[in-house]
Protein backbone atom coordinates (compact mmCIF):
# COMPACT_ATOMS: atom_id res chain seq x y z
CA UNK A 1 -40.22 -73.59 -30.73
CA UNK A 2 -40.99 -73.41 -34.46
CA UNK A 3 -43.69 -71.19 -35.96
CA UNK A 4 -45.22 -73.22 -38.77
CA UNK A 5 -48.04 -70.75 -39.36
CA UNK A 6 -45.77 -67.75 -39.84
CA UNK A 7 -45.87 -66.45 -43.43
CA UNK A 8 -43.41 -64.35 -45.42
CA UNK A 9 -43.82 -61.11 -43.53
CA UNK A 10 -41.03 -58.54 -43.62
CA UNK A 11 -40.90 -58.49 -39.84
CA UNK A 12 -41.68 -61.28 -37.40
CA UNK A 13 -44.40 -60.02 -35.08
CA UNK A 14 -43.88 -62.45 -32.24
CA UNK A 15 -46.01 -60.48 -29.81
CA UNK A 16 -49.12 -61.29 -31.87
CA UNK A 17 -48.67 -65.04 -31.55
CA UNK A 18 -51.50 -67.05 -29.93
CA UNK A 19 -49.41 -67.98 -26.87
CA UNK A 20 -47.13 -65.01 -26.11
CA UNK A 21 -47.07 -66.00 -22.43
CA UNK A 22 -44.84 -68.97 -23.35
CA UNK A 23 -42.14 -66.76 -24.83
CA UNK A 24 -40.14 -66.06 -21.63
CA UNK A 25 -39.48 -69.81 -21.28
CA UNK A 26 -38.15 -70.33 -24.82
CA UNK A 27 -34.62 -71.70 -25.08
CA UNK A 28 -34.58 -72.37 -28.84
CA UNK A 29 -36.24 -70.12 -31.44
CA UNK A 30 -36.29 -71.45 -35.02
CA UNK A 31 -37.31 -68.93 -37.70
CA UNK A 32 -35.56 -70.66 -40.59
CA UNK A 33 -36.82 -69.83 -44.09
CA UNK A 34 -39.53 -67.25 -43.32
CA UNK A 35 -38.40 -64.52 -45.76
CA UNK A 36 -37.86 -62.23 -42.76
CA UNK A 37 -35.91 -59.01 -42.80
CA UNK A 38 -36.11 -58.35 -39.06
CA UNK A 39 -37.83 -59.27 -35.78
CA UNK A 40 -39.45 -56.92 -33.31
CA UNK A 41 -36.77 -55.98 -30.78
CA UNK A 42 -39.35 -55.77 -27.98
CA UNK A 43 -40.34 -59.38 -28.58
CA UNK A 44 -36.77 -60.62 -28.50
CA UNK A 45 -36.12 -58.78 -25.25
CA UNK A 46 -38.85 -60.93 -23.66
CA UNK A 47 -36.85 -64.10 -24.38
CA UNK A 48 -34.85 -63.90 -21.18
CA UNK A 49 -33.51 -67.49 -21.24
CA UNK A 50 -33.10 -67.99 -25.00
CA UNK A 51 -29.93 -69.91 -25.89
CA UNK A 52 -30.26 -70.71 -29.62
CA UNK A 53 -31.54 -68.32 -32.31
CA UNK A 54 -31.88 -69.76 -35.82
CA UNK A 55 -32.48 -67.18 -38.58
CA UNK A 56 -31.01 -68.97 -41.58
CA UNK A 57 -32.45 -68.72 -45.12
CA UNK A 58 -34.23 -65.38 -44.73
CA UNK A 59 -33.79 -61.93 -46.32
CA UNK A 60 -31.88 -60.23 -43.49
CA UNK A 61 -29.48 -57.51 -44.65
CA UNK A 62 -28.76 -55.92 -41.26
CA UNK A 63 -28.66 -57.01 -37.61
CA UNK A 64 -28.96 -53.51 -36.17
CA UNK A 65 -32.42 -54.38 -34.79
CA UNK A 66 -31.04 -57.29 -32.75
CA UNK A 67 -30.92 -56.32 -29.04
CA UNK A 68 -28.18 -57.39 -26.65
CA UNK A 69 -29.39 -60.83 -25.57
CA UNK A 70 -27.18 -61.94 -22.67
CA UNK A 71 -28.22 -65.62 -22.73
CA UNK A 72 -27.92 -66.45 -26.45
CA UNK A 73 -24.91 -68.69 -27.11
CA UNK A 74 -25.68 -69.84 -30.66
CA UNK A 75 -26.71 -67.55 -33.55
CA UNK A 76 -27.28 -68.84 -37.08
CA UNK A 77 -27.81 -66.17 -39.77
CA UNK A 78 -26.48 -68.20 -42.69
CA UNK A 79 -27.99 -67.82 -46.17
CA UNK A 80 -29.06 -64.20 -45.77
CA UNK A 81 -27.94 -60.89 -47.32
CA UNK A 82 -25.58 -59.51 -44.68
CA UNK A 83 -22.64 -57.35 -45.69
CA UNK A 84 -21.40 -56.88 -42.13
CA UNK A 85 -22.12 -57.75 -38.50
CA UNK A 86 -23.62 -54.81 -36.63
CA UNK A 87 -24.86 -56.21 -33.33
CA UNK A 88 -23.51 -57.17 -29.91
CA UNK A 89 -24.18 -60.55 -28.27
CA UNK A 90 -21.73 -61.02 -25.39
CA UNK A 91 -22.59 -64.70 -24.67
CA UNK A 92 -22.48 -66.06 -28.22
CA UNK A 93 -19.95 -68.87 -28.67
CA UNK A 94 -21.03 -70.08 -32.11
CA UNK A 95 -21.85 -67.68 -34.95
CA UNK A 96 -22.77 -68.85 -38.45
CA UNK A 97 -22.47 -66.18 -41.15
CA UNK A 98 -22.05 -68.61 -44.04
CA UNK A 99 -23.43 -67.75 -47.48
CA UNK A 100 -24.05 -64.06 -47.01
CA UNK A 101 -22.59 -61.11 -48.93
CA UNK A 102 -19.54 -60.35 -46.77
CA UNK A 103 -16.92 -59.13 -49.23
CA UNK A 104 -14.12 -58.09 -46.89
CA UNK A 105 -12.72 -59.70 -43.75
CA UNK A 106 -11.88 -56.24 -42.46
CA UNK A 107 -15.44 -55.98 -41.17
CA UNK A 108 -14.61 -58.66 -38.59
CA UNK A 109 -12.34 -56.30 -36.67
CA UNK A 110 -15.07 -55.60 -34.09
CA UNK A 111 -16.08 -59.23 -33.51
CA UNK A 112 -13.70 -59.69 -30.56
CA UNK A 113 -15.38 -56.79 -28.78
CA UNK A 114 -18.99 -57.58 -29.73
CA UNK A 115 -18.67 -61.39 -29.32
CA UNK A 116 -16.01 -61.76 -26.60
CA UNK A 117 -16.74 -65.49 -25.98
CA UNK A 118 -16.77 -66.51 -29.64
CA UNK A 119 -15.24 -69.94 -30.29
CA UNK A 120 -16.77 -71.10 -33.57
CA UNK A 121 -17.34 -69.00 -36.70
CA UNK A 122 -18.83 -69.93 -40.06
CA UNK A 123 -17.97 -67.76 -43.07
CA UNK A 124 -17.89 -70.16 -46.01
CA UNK A 125 -19.75 -69.10 -49.13
CA UNK A 126 -19.04 -65.38 -48.65
CA UNK A 127 -16.99 -63.53 -51.28
CA UNK A 128 -14.35 -62.85 -48.61
CA UNK A 129 -13.74 -66.57 -48.02
CA UNK A 130 -12.23 -67.16 -51.47
CA UNK A 131 -8.75 -65.93 -50.48
CA UNK A 132 -6.02 -68.54 -50.01
CA UNK A 133 -5.03 -66.86 -46.72
CA UNK A 134 -8.62 -66.62 -45.57
CA UNK A 135 -8.31 -68.67 -42.36
CA UNK A 136 -5.18 -66.83 -41.20
CA UNK A 137 -6.84 -63.48 -41.88
CA UNK A 138 -9.89 -64.49 -39.81
CA UNK A 139 -7.72 -65.67 -36.91
CA UNK A 140 -5.76 -62.43 -37.03
CA UNK A 141 -9.03 -60.53 -36.50
CA UNK A 142 -10.64 -62.90 -33.94
CA UNK A 143 -7.98 -64.54 -31.78
CA UNK A 144 -10.43 -66.47 -29.55
CA UNK A 145 -11.59 -68.85 -32.31
CA UNK A 146 -11.22 -72.61 -31.91
CA UNK A 147 -12.93 -73.55 -35.18
CA UNK A 148 -13.61 -71.89 -38.53
CA UNK A 149 -16.23 -73.37 -40.87
CA UNK A 150 -16.50 -76.43 -38.59
CA UNK A 151 -12.76 -77.17 -38.93
CA UNK A 152 -10.56 -77.01 -35.84
CA UNK A 153 -7.91 -74.29 -35.67
CA UNK A 154 -4.42 -75.80 -35.42
CA UNK A 155 -1.61 -74.49 -33.13
CA UNK A 156 0.44 -73.70 -36.26
CA UNK A 157 -2.38 -71.51 -37.62
CA UNK A 158 -2.59 -69.66 -34.30
CA UNK A 159 1.15 -68.92 -34.34
CA UNK A 160 1.10 -67.68 -37.92
CA UNK A 161 -1.98 -65.53 -37.32
CA UNK A 162 -0.37 -63.88 -34.27
CA UNK A 163 2.59 -62.92 -36.43
CA UNK A 164 0.29 -61.42 -39.07
CA UNK A 165 -1.81 -59.46 -36.56
CA UNK A 166 1.03 -58.01 -34.48
CA UNK A 167 0.79 -54.18 -34.43
CA UNK A 168 3.46 -52.47 -36.53
CA UNK A 169 5.74 -49.89 -34.90
CA UNK A 170 5.53 -46.57 -36.72
CA UNK A 171 9.24 -46.14 -37.25
CA UNK A 172 10.59 -43.41 -39.52
CA UNK A 173 11.45 -46.07 -42.09
CA UNK A 174 7.84 -47.33 -42.19
CA UNK A 175 6.46 -43.80 -42.25
CA UNK A 176 8.72 -42.95 -45.21
CA UNK A 177 7.54 -46.08 -47.01
CA UNK A 178 3.91 -45.00 -46.50
CA UNK A 179 4.38 -41.27 -47.24
CA UNK A 180 3.91 -39.45 -50.53
CA UNK A 181 4.68 -35.94 -51.69
CA UNK A 182 2.54 -33.65 -53.82
CA UNK A 183 3.21 -32.93 -57.51
CA UNK A 184 4.88 -34.48 -59.35
CA UNK A 185 4.11 -37.56 -57.26
CA UNK A 186 0.88 -38.42 -59.07
CA UNK A 187 -1.64 -37.72 -56.30
CA UNK A 188 -4.17 -35.92 -58.47
CA UNK A 189 -7.59 -34.58 -57.72
CA UNK A 190 -10.51 -36.40 -59.31
CA UNK A 191 -13.74 -34.97 -60.76
CA UNK A 192 -15.27 -34.61 -57.30
CA UNK A 193 -12.45 -32.36 -56.19
CA UNK A 194 -11.16 -34.95 -53.73
CA UNK A 195 -7.89 -36.81 -54.08
CA UNK A 196 -8.19 -40.02 -56.05
CA UNK A 197 -8.14 -43.13 -53.80
CA UNK A 198 -4.80 -44.90 -53.66
CA UNK A 199 -5.03 -48.57 -54.59
CA UNK A 200 -1.44 -49.61 -53.92
CA UNK A 201 -0.45 -49.39 -57.58
CA UNK A 202 3.04 -48.50 -58.72
CA UNK A 203 1.81 -45.30 -60.36
CA UNK A 204 2.48 -43.34 -57.17
CA UNK A 205 5.97 -44.68 -56.55
CA UNK A 206 7.62 -41.59 -58.02
CA UNK A 207 6.31 -39.60 -55.08
CA UNK A 208 7.02 -42.19 -52.39
CA UNK A 209 9.31 -40.64 -49.78
CA UNK A 210 11.33 -43.82 -49.13
CA UNK A 211 12.44 -43.90 -52.78
CA UNK A 212 13.26 -40.21 -52.90
CA UNK A 213 15.39 -40.46 -49.76
CA UNK A 214 17.62 -42.94 -51.58
CA UNK A 215 18.33 -40.38 -54.32
CA UNK A 216 20.81 -37.67 -53.24
CA UNK A 217 19.52 -34.14 -53.67
CA UNK A 218 15.85 -35.08 -54.11
CA UNK A 219 14.61 -34.54 -50.55
CA UNK A 220 16.00 -33.46 -47.19
CA UNK A 221 16.85 -36.34 -44.85
CA UNK A 222 15.79 -34.26 -41.84
CA UNK A 223 12.78 -32.24 -43.08
CA UNK A 224 10.93 -34.67 -45.36
CA UNK A 225 7.93 -35.01 -43.04
CA UNK A 226 7.00 -31.36 -43.51
CA UNK A 227 6.60 -31.99 -47.27
CA UNK A 228 4.31 -35.02 -47.06
CA UNK A 229 0.74 -34.53 -48.30
CA UNK A 230 -0.54 -38.13 -48.24
CA UNK A 231 0.14 -40.68 -45.49
CA UNK A 232 -1.20 -44.22 -45.92
CA UNK A 233 -1.28 -46.11 -42.58
CA UNK A 234 -4.01 -48.52 -43.62
CA UNK A 235 -4.18 -52.09 -42.30
CA UNK A 236 -1.22 -52.02 -39.90
CA UNK A 237 -3.08 -53.33 -36.81
CA UNK A 238 -2.42 -49.99 -35.10
CA UNK A 239 -3.84 -49.55 -31.61
CA UNK A 240 -2.52 -46.01 -31.14
CA UNK A 241 -0.97 -43.24 -33.21
CA UNK A 242 2.45 -41.71 -33.00
CA UNK A 243 3.12 -37.96 -32.84
CA UNK A 244 2.21 -36.57 -36.28
CA UNK A 245 2.99 -32.92 -35.51
CA UNK A 246 5.96 -32.92 -37.91
CA UNK A 247 3.61 -33.65 -40.84
CA UNK A 248 2.59 -30.00 -40.98
CA UNK A 249 1.39 -30.08 -44.62
CA UNK A 250 -0.53 -33.37 -44.48
CA UNK A 251 -3.69 -33.15 -46.59
CA UNK A 252 -4.83 -36.76 -46.73
CA UNK A 253 -4.53 -39.48 -44.06
CA UNK A 254 -5.74 -43.08 -44.36
CA UNK A 255 -6.03 -44.95 -41.03
CA UNK A 256 -8.60 -47.51 -42.17
CA UNK A 257 -8.65 -51.14 -41.02
CA UNK A 258 -6.71 -50.73 -37.79
CA UNK A 259 -7.70 -51.10 -34.11
CA UNK A 260 -7.81 -47.48 -33.07
CA UNK A 261 -10.11 -46.53 -30.21
CA UNK A 262 -9.29 -42.81 -30.37
CA UNK A 263 -8.14 -40.21 -32.88
CA UNK A 264 -7.40 -37.49 -30.34
CA UNK A 265 -3.80 -37.39 -31.57
CA UNK A 266 -4.96 -35.89 -34.87
CA UNK A 267 -5.59 -32.50 -33.28
CA UNK A 268 -2.16 -31.45 -34.52
CA UNK A 269 -2.99 -32.15 -38.17
CA UNK A 270 -4.88 -28.93 -38.85
CA UNK A 271 -4.11 -28.95 -42.60
CA UNK A 272 -5.97 -32.25 -43.15
CA UNK A 273 -8.60 -32.14 -45.88
CA UNK A 274 -9.45 -35.85 -46.08
CA UNK A 275 -9.49 -38.44 -43.30
CA UNK A 276 -10.27 -42.14 -43.61
CA UNK A 277 -10.82 -44.12 -40.39
CA UNK A 278 -13.17 -46.91 -41.54
CA UNK A 279 -13.14 -50.28 -39.79
CA UNK A 280 -11.53 -49.30 -36.50
CA UNK A 281 -12.91 -49.51 -32.94
CA UNK A 282 -13.99 -45.89 -32.48
CA UNK A 283 -16.99 -44.96 -30.36
CA UNK A 284 -16.67 -41.21 -30.90
CA UNK A 285 -14.92 -38.73 -33.19
CA UNK A 286 -13.48 -36.69 -30.36
CA UNK A 287 -10.51 -34.71 -31.63
CA UNK A 288 -11.99 -33.92 -35.04
CA UNK A 289 -13.07 -30.43 -33.99
CA UNK A 290 -9.53 -29.13 -34.54
CA UNK A 291 -9.52 -30.25 -38.19
CA UNK A 292 -11.14 -27.08 -39.47
CA UNK A 293 -10.00 -27.67 -43.09
CA UNK A 294 -11.51 -31.14 -43.34
CA UNK A 295 -13.64 -31.61 -46.48
CA UNK A 296 -14.14 -35.38 -46.43
CA UNK A 297 -14.46 -37.83 -43.53
CA UNK A 298 -15.01 -41.58 -43.96
CA UNK A 299 -15.65 -43.30 -40.61
CA UNK A 300 -17.87 -46.25 -41.50
CA UNK A 301 -17.66 -49.61 -39.80
CA UNK A 302 -16.96 -48.45 -36.25
CA UNK A 303 -19.20 -48.22 -33.16
CA UNK A 304 -19.55 -44.44 -33.23
CA UNK A 305 -22.34 -42.93 -31.13
CA UNK A 306 -20.97 -39.45 -30.42
CA UNK A 307 -20.47 -37.06 -33.36
CA UNK A 308 -20.64 -33.79 -31.45
CA UNK A 309 -17.21 -32.61 -32.69
CA UNK A 310 -18.41 -32.60 -36.30
CA UNK A 311 -20.46 -29.45 -35.65
CA UNK A 312 -17.23 -27.47 -35.67
CA UNK A 313 -16.11 -28.44 -39.18
CA UNK A 314 -17.22 -25.58 -41.45
CA UNK A 315 -15.73 -27.01 -44.68
CA UNK A 316 -16.92 -30.62 -44.40
CA UNK A 317 -18.71 -31.61 -47.63
CA UNK A 318 -18.73 -35.42 -47.61
CA UNK A 319 -19.43 -37.49 -44.48
CA UNK A 320 -19.61 -41.30 -44.37
CA UNK A 321 -20.81 -42.83 -41.10
CA UNK A 322 -22.44 -46.04 -42.32
CA UNK A 323 -22.46 -49.14 -40.09
CA UNK A 324 -22.18 -47.35 -36.76
CA UNK A 325 -24.46 -46.82 -33.73
CA UNK A 326 -25.83 -43.33 -34.39
CA UNK A 327 -29.38 -42.80 -33.13
CA UNK A 328 -29.91 -39.08 -33.75
CA UNK A 329 -29.32 -36.36 -36.36
CA UNK A 330 -29.28 -33.26 -34.16
CA UNK A 331 -25.50 -32.79 -34.33
CA UNK A 332 -25.33 -33.21 -38.11
CA UNK A 333 -27.69 -30.37 -38.95
CA UNK A 334 -25.04 -27.81 -37.95
CA UNK A 335 -22.50 -28.67 -40.66
CA UNK A 336 -23.21 -25.89 -43.19
CA UNK A 337 -21.17 -27.18 -46.16
CA UNK A 338 -22.40 -30.78 -46.09
CA UNK A 339 -23.71 -32.05 -49.45
CA UNK A 340 -23.14 -35.83 -49.17
CA UNK A 341 -24.21 -37.81 -46.10
CA UNK A 342 -24.00 -41.60 -45.75
CA UNK A 343 -25.70 -43.08 -42.66
CA UNK A 344 -26.81 -46.54 -43.75
CA UNK A 345 -27.10 -49.28 -41.11
CA UNK A 346 -27.26 -47.14 -37.99
CA UNK A 347 -29.95 -46.87 -35.29
CA UNK A 348 -32.18 -44.12 -36.64
CA UNK A 349 -35.80 -44.97 -35.82
CA UNK A 350 -37.98 -41.85 -35.96
CA UNK A 351 -38.88 -40.72 -39.50
CA UNK A 352 -39.57 -37.16 -38.38
CA UNK A 353 -35.95 -36.85 -37.25
CA UNK A 354 -34.92 -36.24 -40.89
CA UNK A 355 -36.54 -32.82 -40.64
CA UNK A 356 -33.43 -31.76 -38.73
CA UNK A 357 -31.56 -31.99 -42.04
CA UNK A 358 -33.77 -29.40 -43.81
CA UNK A 359 -31.29 -26.62 -43.11
CA UNK A 360 -28.59 -28.43 -45.12
CA UNK A 361 -28.13 -28.39 -48.89
CA UNK A 362 -27.84 -32.15 -49.21
CA UNK A 363 -27.57 -33.61 -52.71
CA UNK A 364 -26.86 -37.22 -51.71
CA UNK A 365 -28.30 -39.01 -48.66
CA UNK A 366 -28.13 -42.69 -47.72
CA UNK A 367 -30.20 -43.98 -44.80
CA UNK A 368 -30.73 -47.57 -45.98
CA UNK A 369 -30.78 -50.20 -43.26
CA UNK A 370 -32.14 -47.90 -40.55
CA UNK A 371 -35.45 -48.63 -38.83
CA UNK A 372 -36.99 -45.37 -40.12
CA UNK A 373 -36.76 -46.72 -43.69
CA UNK A 374 -39.58 -49.13 -42.88
CA UNK A 375 -42.10 -46.27 -42.62
CA UNK A 376 -44.87 -46.60 -45.21
CA UNK A 377 -44.12 -43.38 -47.12
CA UNK A 378 -40.42 -43.11 -46.23
CA UNK A 379 -39.09 -42.17 -49.67
CA UNK A 380 -41.89 -39.76 -50.54
CA UNK A 381 -41.56 -38.12 -47.12
CA UNK A 382 -37.86 -37.44 -47.60
CA UNK A 383 -38.27 -36.17 -51.17
CA UNK A 384 -41.00 -33.80 -50.04
CA UNK A 385 -39.07 -32.32 -47.11
CA UNK A 386 -35.49 -32.42 -48.47
CA UNK A 387 -36.11 -30.70 -51.78
CA UNK A 388 -32.50 -30.47 -53.02
CA UNK A 389 -31.78 -34.23 -52.94
CA UNK A 390 -30.59 -35.81 -56.19
CA UNK A 391 -29.83 -39.33 -54.89
CA UNK A 392 -31.50 -41.17 -52.00
CA UNK A 393 -30.23 -44.55 -50.76
CA UNK A 394 -28.15 -44.98 -53.90
CA UNK A 395 -31.11 -44.45 -56.26
CA UNK A 396 -31.33 -41.29 -58.42
CA UNK A 397 -34.48 -39.25 -57.82
CA UNK A 398 -36.77 -38.83 -60.81
CA UNK A 399 -39.06 -35.95 -61.68
CA UNK A 400 -41.98 -38.36 -61.50
CA UNK A 401 -41.09 -39.20 -57.87
CA UNK A 402 -40.86 -35.52 -56.96
CA UNK A 403 -44.23 -34.81 -58.52
CA UNK A 404 -45.77 -37.81 -56.75
CA UNK A 405 -44.37 -36.72 -53.37
CA UNK A 406 -45.67 -33.19 -53.86
CA UNK A 407 -49.09 -34.40 -54.95
CA UNK A 408 -49.41 -36.88 -52.10
CA UNK A 409 -48.14 -34.83 -49.16
CA UNK A 410 -48.62 -31.15 -49.99
CA UNK A 411 -52.28 -31.01 -48.99
CA UNK A 412 -52.01 -32.80 -45.66
CA UNK A 413 -52.35 -31.05 -42.31
CA UNK A 414 -49.48 -32.74 -40.52
CA UNK A 415 -47.67 -32.18 -37.27
CA UNK A 416 -44.72 -30.96 -39.34
CA UNK A 417 -46.88 -28.36 -41.11
CA UNK A 418 -48.40 -27.11 -37.86
CA UNK A 419 -44.98 -26.81 -36.27
CA UNK A 420 -43.75 -24.84 -39.27
CA UNK A 421 -46.72 -22.43 -39.12
CA UNK A 422 -47.29 -22.15 -35.36
CA UNK A 423 -43.97 -23.18 -33.86
CA UNK A 424 -43.25 -26.43 -31.95
CA UNK A 425 -44.39 -24.99 -28.60
CA UNK A 426 -47.93 -24.34 -29.90
CA UNK A 427 -48.49 -27.86 -31.32
């Protein structure tokens, strides 16, 4: 079914169509080129036998609104503005993501779980597809594929991809290669007070443990782990962690772009100040409660729903949880030191839920890509209630905006105002 009369609305309101009773029988839904950003989830849930969903050539930048549709086998979201894939469609066999804004293939790490039957994948036209090893990298992430960009996957490609994606054993030799000491190794703090990100450059080689072990008298062959302050285990296809108890002085740990489902093993790393676990397969942050010295946590690009353990991190200042499955803020309001919070592309729907953050001293907040951002006065509402904010959704807040929010909202008798004056039980 095609909707010729549908105009360039930001959201497709299928329930208001003249013949909504026909929707449960639809097998093909074509919404190509409608300038859409989303579709009502309730309407899509009515399409109980839908097999093909065509959403190409729109303005979609997130799929978080897309419900689990157990009958859809073909999804086309080509020529949109997607940076990642944040939905689950267990029956999809053909997925077209061509000509979007996907810059890194690391975001595909969850496709095998979210699209377990996937056979055909289109990614051409994305920045990430320009690499010469692009096809092998895709196969390493999604082993079930039979075709990429409409070209069949060869047996030779499968064999090479399996070699690339094989999990690395964390031997002492590999750990030494990925470990760095403190001064004079070059791991310096930046203006924010956090350690500068390591980009793989040679500038840090003078502190690399594997090099120091080769030089007699520089470092103990038996006690080097206790001196390590930075351990880089990024992109090793790890499915589990080894015992890290010997790294007693570890301040910074990078576990990004692996296949970890749990970080419980990190309970022993009580000295950690910075932890990076982006692009794994985590559904919770269980185990973090023991990291009482943690100041920065980057956990974007997972499937995290449970963040209860974060309430017990008194020193946490910067928290990145973008591209996850978080639907509430109640656990985050009890992190007293938090000043930067990144929650873009999650499942936050109720605008009033941001009031739970009023007790924090947030300076930077990013909620872009959540359903609550579609509220008519979203930005003014947040500026009015979160008075210390300096940056919202990546955009600096101006004095004019603050004045406008105050002028617009200060005189209203709202539910929030009544609750503040009378208490929630009286409203």
